[in-house]
């Protein structure tokens, strides 16, 4: 997707404060953090949302969760706790249509659902 902001970050066209990168995924600090620790984790392959997941392309999800745990440990929030969030579609709060996961922590998070 040529106009996808996350694809541009992956290509290096837009700078980011990287936390982790490998051949499949990229993790970086969110530019508008909702918690003291707020990292966005994305697959390098463009998939618009969870609605586009298939048996063939969903393997990166377990990799994201394993990596999120490693990042949480590196950032010192593994013991106190953290949240991993994926928003799907406009009504689900998705604003960038490239599937992504938010790793949030560093404070007691609200437990109420909207």
C-alpha atoms as a PDB file:
ATOM      1  CA  UNK A   1       0.000   0.000   0.000  1.00  0.00           C
ATOM      2  CA  UNK A   2       1.694   3.159  -1.183  1.00  0.00           C
ATOM      3  CA  UNK A   3      -0.196   5.535   1.130  1.00  0.00           C
ATOM      4  CA  UNK A   4      -0.011   3.337   4.261  1.00  0.00           C
ATOM      5  CA  UNK A   5       1.901   5.130   7.023  1.00  0.00           C
ATOM      6  CA  UNK A   6       3.102   1.852   8.546  1.00  0.00           C
ATOM      7  CA  UNK A   7       4.363   0.600   5.176  1.00  0.00           C
ATOM      8  CA  UNK A   8       6.286   3.879   4.860  1.00  0.00           C
ATOM      9  CA  UNK A   9       7.782   3.343   8.334  1.00  0.00           C
ATOM     10  CA  UNK A  10       8.811  -0.204   7.339  1.00  0.00           C
ATOM     11  CA  UNK A  11      10.498   1.173   4.185  1.00  0.00           C
ATOM     12  CA  UNK A  12      12.296   3.842   6.224  1.00  0.00           C
ATOM     13  CA  UNK A  13      10.479   6.679   4.452  1.00  0.00           C
ATOM     14  CA  UNK A  14       9.098   7.903   7.786  1.00  0.00           C
ATOM     15  CA  UNK A  15      11.375   7.787  10.841  1.00  0.00           C
ATOM     16  CA  UNK A  16      10.426   5.833  13.942  1.00  0.00           C
ATOM     17  CA  UNK A  17      11.982   5.105  17.301  1.00  0.00           C
ATOM     18  CA  UNK A  18      12.518   1.374  16.792  1.00  0.00           C
ATOM     19  CA  UNK A  19      12.376  -1.042  19.695  1.00  0.00           C
ATOM     20  CA  UNK A  20      12.696  -4.286  17.713  1.00  0.00           C
ATOM     21  CA  UNK A  21      13.008  -5.424  14.110  1.00  0.00           C
ATOM     22  CA  UNK A  22      13.483  -8.708  12.294  1.00  0.00           C
ATOM     23  CA  UNK A  23      12.535 -10.088   8.866  1.00  0.00           C
ATOM     24  CA  UNK A  24       8.817 -10.380   9.743  1.00  0.00           C
ATOM     25  CA  UNK A  25       7.909  -7.624  12.207  1.00  0.00           C
ATOM     26  CA  UNK A  26       8.803  -4.145  13.386  1.00  0.00           C
ATOM     27  CA  UNK A  27       8.149  -2.581  16.801  1.00  0.00           C
ATOM     28  CA  UNK A  28       8.455   1.124  17.577  1.00  0.00           C
ATOM     29  CA  UNK A  29       7.369   3.680  20.160  1.00  0.00           C
ATOM     30  CA  UNK A  30       3.949   5.216  19.481  1.00  0.00           C
ATOM     31  CA  UNK A  31       4.103   8.932  18.653  1.00  0.00           C
ATOM     32  CA  UNK A  32       0.958   9.596  20.757  1.00  0.00           C
ATOM     33  CA  UNK A  33       1.431   7.301  23.753  1.00  0.00           C
ATOM     34  CA  UNK A  34      -1.589   6.276  25.820  1.00  0.00           C
ATOM     35  CA  UNK A  35       0.584   4.902  28.632  1.00  0.00           C
ATOM     36  CA  UNK A  36       4.156   5.464  29.877  1.00  0.00           C
ATOM     37  CA  UNK A  37       5.169   2.477  27.726  1.00  0.00           C
ATOM     38  CA  UNK A  38       3.367   2.346  24.377  1.00  0.00           C
ATOM     39  CA  UNK A  39       4.933   0.308  21.589  1.00  0.00           C
ATOM     40  CA  UNK A  40       3.299  -0.476  18.238  1.00  0.00           C
ATOM     41  CA  UNK A  41       4.118  -3.882  16.732  1.00  0.00           C
ATOM     42  CA  UNK A  42       3.403  -4.485  13.049  1.00  0.00           C
ATOM     43  CA  UNK A  43       3.998  -7.212  10.496  1.00  0.00           C
ATOM     44  CA  UNK A  44       6.134  -6.130   7.563  1.00  0.00           C
ATOM     45  CA  UNK A  45       3.594  -7.641   5.193  1.00  0.00           C
ATOM     46  CA  UNK A  46       0.618  -5.343   4.648  1.00  0.00           C
ATOM     47  CA  UNK A  47      -2.575  -6.863   6.003  1.00  0.00           C
ATOM     48  CA  UNK A  48      -5.321  -4.273   6.477  1.00  0.00           C
ATOM     49  CA  UNK A  49      -6.982  -5.691   9.588  1.00  0.00           C
ATOM     50  CA  UNK A  50      -7.765  -8.832  11.557  1.00  0.00           C
ATOM     51  CA  UNK A  51     -10.578  -9.406   9.062  1.00  0.00           C
ATOM     52  CA  UNK A  52      -7.948 -10.283   6.433  1.00  0.00           C
ATOM     53  CA  UNK A  53      -6.263 -12.980   8.515  1.00  0.00           C
ATOM     54  CA  UNK A  54      -6.155 -16.439   6.996  1.00  0.00           C
ATOM     55  CA  UNK A  55      -4.546 -19.741   7.925  1.00  0.00           C
ATOM     56  CA  UNK A  56      -1.784 -18.864   5.460  1.00  0.00           C
ATOM     57  CA  UNK A  57      -0.894 -15.371   6.733  1.00  0.00           C
ATOM     58  CA  UNK A  58      -1.663 -15.557  10.469  1.00  0.00           C
ATOM     59  CA  UNK A  59       1.634 -17.106  11.596  1.00  0.00           C
ATOM     60  CA  UNK A  60       3.107 -13.732  12.459  1.00  0.00           C
ATOM     61  CA  UNK A  61       0.600 -13.278  15.297  1.00  0.00           C
ATOM     62  CA  UNK A  62       2.292 -15.788  17.600  1.00  0.00           C
ATOM     63  CA  UNK A  63       5.631 -14.198  16.704  1.00  0.00           C
ATOM     64  CA  UNK A  64       4.244 -10.779  17.681  1.00  0.00           C
ATOM     65  CA  UNK A  65       3.023 -12.085  21.054  1.00  0.00           C
ATOM     66  CA  UNK A  66       6.333 -13.815  21.837  1.00  0.00           C
ATOM     67  CA  UNK A  67       8.217 -10.674  20.825  1.00  0.00           C
ATOM     68  CA  UNK A  68       5.864  -8.460  22.858  1.00  0.00           C
ATOM     69  CA  UNK A  69       6.748 -10.467  25.966  1.00  0.00           C
ATOM     70  CA  UNK A  70      10.459  -9.977  25.235  1.00  0.00           C
ATOM     71  CA  UNK A  71       9.959  -6.245  24.687  1.00  0.00           C
ATOM     72  CA  UNK A  72       7.945  -5.976  27.917  1.00  0.00           C
ATOM     73  CA  UNK A  73      10.822  -7.596  29.792  1.00  0.00           C
ATOM     74  CA  UNK A  74      13.400  -5.309  28.148  1.00  0.00           C
ATOM     75  CA  UNK A  75      11.314  -2.234  28.999  1.00  0.00           C
ATOM     76  CA  UNK A  76      10.763  -3.383  32.582  1.00  0.00           C
ATOM     77  CA  UNK A  77       6.986  -3.848  32.514  1.00  0.00           C
ATOM     78  CA  UNK A  78       6.841  -7.646  32.486  1.00  0.00           C
ATOM     79  CA  UNK A  79       6.578  -7.980  36.278  1.00  0.00           C
ATOM     80  CA  UNK A  80       3.982  -5.238  36.849  1.00  0.00           C
ATOM     81  CA  UNK A  81       1.903  -6.204  33.820  1.00  0.00           C
ATOM     82  CA  UNK A  82       0.951  -4.923  30.400  1.00  0.00           C
ATOM     83  CA  UNK A  83      -1.763  -5.077  27.785  1.00  0.00           C
ATOM     84  CA  UNK A  84      -1.628  -6.086  24.116  1.00  0.00           C
ATOM     85  CA  UNK A  85      -4.408  -4.541  22.021  1.00  0.00           C
ATOM     86  CA  UNK A  86      -5.544  -4.946  18.426  1.00  0.00           C
ATOM     87  CA  UNK A  87      -8.310  -2.711  17.084  1.00  0.00           C
ATOM     88  CA  UNK A  88     -10.272  -3.959  14.082  1.00  0.00           C
ATOM     89  CA  UNK A  89     -12.257  -1.631  11.842  1.00  0.00           C
ATOM     90  CA  UNK A  90     -13.407   1.935  12.372  1.00  0.00           C
ATOM     91  CA  UNK A  91     -15.955   1.104  15.078  1.00  0.00           C
ATOM     92  CA  UNK A  92     -13.294  -0.979  16.848  1.00  0.00           C
ATOM     93  CA  UNK A  93     -11.004   2.044  17.020  1.00  0.00           C
ATOM     94  CA  UNK A  94      -8.654   1.165  14.156  1.00  0.00           C
ATOM     95  CA  UNK A  95      -7.220   4.371  12.658  1.00  0.00           C
ATOM     96  CA  UNK A  96      -4.356   2.935  10.579  1.00  0.00           C
ATOM     97  CA  UNK A  97      -5.502   0.155   8.267  1.00  0.00           C
ATOM     98  CA  UNK A  98      -2.393  -2.011   8.527  1.00  0.00           C
ATOM     99  CA  UNK A  99      -2.897  -4.629  11.228  1.00  0.00           C
ATOM    100  CA  UNK A 100      -0.997  -3.669  14.366  1.00  0.00           C
ATOM    101  CA  UNK A 101      -0.801  -4.388  18.053  1.00  0.00           C
ATOM    102  CA  UNK A 102      -0.306  -1.921  20.896  1.00  0.00           C
ATOM    103  CA  UNK A 103       1.863  -2.954  23.854  1.00  0.00           C
ATOM    104  CA  UNK A 104       0.812  -0.759  26.782  1.00  0.00           C
ATOM    105  CA  UNK A 105       2.175  -0.629  30.309  1.00  0.00           C
ATOM    106  CA  UNK A 106       4.049   1.315  32.918  1.00  0.00           C
ATOM    107  CA  UNK A 107       0.946   2.234  34.944  1.00  0.00           C
ATOM    108  CA  UNK A 108      -2.245   0.637  36.198  1.00  0.00           C
ATOM    109  CA  UNK A 109      -4.450   0.449  33.120  1.00  0.00           C
ATOM    110  CA  UNK A 110      -8.192   1.051  33.089  1.00  0.00           C
ATOM    111  CA  UNK A 111     -10.075  -2.241  33.188  1.00  0.00           C
ATOM    112  CA  UNK A 112     -13.421  -0.866  31.976  1.00  0.00           C
ATOM    113  CA  UNK A 113     -14.488  -1.717  28.451  1.00  0.00           C
ATOM    114  CA  UNK A 114     -16.055   1.061  26.398  1.00  0.00           C
END
